[in-house]
Amino acid sequence: MTDFVIVVATMAAVAGAGGAVPDRLPTLGFRTYPSLSDCEAAVGQNTPRPGTRLVCLPIEPPPGTMFSAH
């Protein structure tokens, strides 16, 4: 199952990667979302800082882990 996280992408980081989102970006909080639509709804409730953008990225936990367990 694929979960999603919100990452904070700076415009400079995205521009330097040729338009792709780099794989090492800070996340917004420590929460995962079960679907893209849930993640996008959470992005809509947060305001990015100037020069940044909030982006939903899929993550796949390693096999046998309880990635979303709190």
C-alpha atoms as a PDB file:
ATOM      1  CA  MET A   1       0.000   0.000   0.000  1.00  0.00           C
ATOM      2  CA  THR A   2       1.306   3.434  -0.905  1.00  0.00           C
ATOM      3  CA  ASP A   3       1.043   6.268   1.603  1.00  0.00           C
ATOM      4  CA  PHE A   4       1.691   9.932   0.895  1.00  0.00           C
ATOM      5  CA  VAL A   5       3.615  12.649   2.737  1.00  0.00           C
ATOM      6  CA  ILE A   6       3.706  16.399   2.299  1.00  0.00           C
ATOM      7  CA  VAL A   7       7.152  17.779   1.532  1.00  0.00           C
ATOM      8  CA  VAL A   8       8.286  21.397   1.488  1.00  0.00           C
ATOM      9  CA  ALA A   9       9.902  22.059  -1.866  1.00  0.00           C
ATOM     10  CA  THR A  10      11.828  25.262  -2.484  1.00  0.00           C
ATOM     11  CA  MET A  11      11.635  26.730  -5.939  1.00  0.00           C
ATOM     12  CA  ALA A  12      15.457  26.652  -6.161  1.00  0.00           C
ATOM     13  CA  ALA A  13      15.568  22.914  -5.339  1.00  0.00           C
ATOM     14  CA  VAL A  14      12.969  22.081  -7.974  1.00  0.00           C
ATOM     15  CA  ALA A  15      14.613  24.321 -10.590  1.00  0.00           C
ATOM     16  CA  GLY A  16      18.015  22.761  -9.880  1.00  0.00           C
ATOM     17  CA  ALA A  17      16.580  19.271 -10.393  1.00  0.00           C
ATOM     18  CA  GLY A  18      15.318  20.036 -13.889  1.00  0.00           C
ATOM     19  CA  GLY A  19      11.715  20.383 -12.719  1.00  0.00           C
ATOM     20  CA  ALA A  20      11.661  17.086 -10.796  1.00  0.00           C
ATOM     21  CA  VAL A  21      11.137  17.093  -7.045  1.00  0.00           C
ATOM     22  CA  PRO A  22      14.369  16.017  -5.306  1.00  0.00           C
ATOM     23  CA  ASP A  23      14.144  12.944  -3.073  1.00  0.00           C
ATOM     24  CA  ARG A  24      15.565  14.658   0.052  1.00  0.00           C
ATOM     25  CA  LEU A  25      13.186  17.383   1.201  1.00  0.00           C
ATOM     26  CA  PRO A  26      11.819  18.240   4.639  1.00  0.00           C
ATOM     27  CA  THR A  27       8.351  16.885   5.365  1.00  0.00           C
ATOM     28  CA  LEU A  28       5.504  18.898   6.807  1.00  0.00           C
ATOM     29  CA  GLY A  29       4.992  17.210  10.166  1.00  0.00           C
ATOM     30  CA  PHE A  30       5.294  13.475  10.741  1.00  0.00           C
ATOM     31  CA  ARG A  31       2.008  12.394   9.227  1.00  0.00           C
ATOM     32  CA  THR A  32       1.272  10.055   6.364  1.00  0.00           C
ATOM     33  CA  TYR A  33      -1.923  10.114   4.318  1.00  0.00           C
ATOM     34  CA  PRO A  34      -3.648   6.993   2.977  1.00  0.00           C
ATOM     35  CA  SER A  35      -4.548   8.520  -0.393  1.00  0.00           C
ATOM     36  CA  LEU A  36      -3.485  11.295  -2.727  1.00  0.00           C
ATOM     37  CA  SER A  37      -6.819  13.081  -2.287  1.00  0.00           C
ATOM     38  CA  ASP A  38      -6.381  13.126   1.531  1.00  0.00           C
ATOM     39  CA  CYS A  39      -2.867  14.491   1.104  1.00  0.00           C
ATOM     40  CA  GLU A  40      -3.993  17.179  -1.337  1.00  0.00           C
ATOM     41  CA  ALA A  41      -6.801  18.209   1.040  1.00  0.00           C
ATOM     42  CA  ALA A  42      -4.220  18.646   3.825  1.00  0.00           C
ATOM     43  CA  VAL A  43      -2.006  20.709   1.508  1.00  0.00           C
ATOM     44  CA  GLY A  44      -4.973  23.001   0.868  1.00  0.00           C
ATOM     45  CA  GLN A  45      -5.290  23.660   4.605  1.00  0.00           C
ATOM     46  CA  ASN A  46      -1.661  24.804   4.961  1.00  0.00           C
ATOM     47  CA  THR A  47       0.008  27.939   3.669  1.00  0.00           C
ATOM     48  CA  PRO A  48       3.506  27.530   2.237  1.00  0.00           C
ATOM     49  CA  ARG A  49       6.207  30.016   3.156  1.00  0.00           C
ATOM     50  CA  PRO A  50       7.326  32.442   0.443  1.00  0.00           C
ATOM     51  CA  GLY A  51       9.570  30.705  -2.096  1.00  0.00           C
ATOM     52  CA  THR A  52       8.301  27.240  -1.200  1.00  0.00           C
ATOM     53  CA  ARG A  53       5.591  24.901  -2.364  1.00  0.00           C
ATOM     54  CA  LEU A  54       3.863  22.028  -0.568  1.00  0.00           C
ATOM     55  CA  VAL A  55       3.908  18.838  -2.630  1.00  0.00           C
ATOM     56  CA  CYS A  56       2.400  15.379  -2.004  1.00  0.00           C
ATOM     57  CA  LEU A  57       4.802  12.542  -2.706  1.00  0.00           C
ATOM     58  CA  PRO A  58       4.138   8.793  -2.573  1.00  0.00           C
ATOM     59  CA  ILE A  59       6.209   6.706  -0.187  1.00  0.00           C
ATOM     60  CA  GLU A  60       6.386   2.962   0.152  1.00  0.00           C
ATOM     61  CA  PRO A  61       7.445   1.503   3.489  1.00  0.00           C
ATOM     62  CA  PRO A  62       9.996  -1.303   3.518  1.00  0.00           C
ATOM     63  CA  PRO A  63       8.354  -4.771   3.617  1.00  0.00           C
ATOM     64  CA  GLY A  64       7.414  -5.958   7.087  1.00  0.00           C
ATOM     65  CA  THR A  65       7.321  -2.541   8.763  1.00  0.00           C
ATOM     66  CA  MET A  66       4.483  -0.750  10.481  1.00  0.00           C
ATOM     67  CA  PHE A  67       5.243   2.602   8.875  1.00  0.00           C
ATOM     68  CA  SER A  68       2.088   4.449   9.958  1.00  0.00           C
ATOM     69  CA  ALA A  69       1.937   3.040  13.502  1.00  0.00           C
ATOM     70  CA  HIS A  70       2.029   5.678  16.216  1.00  0.00           C
END
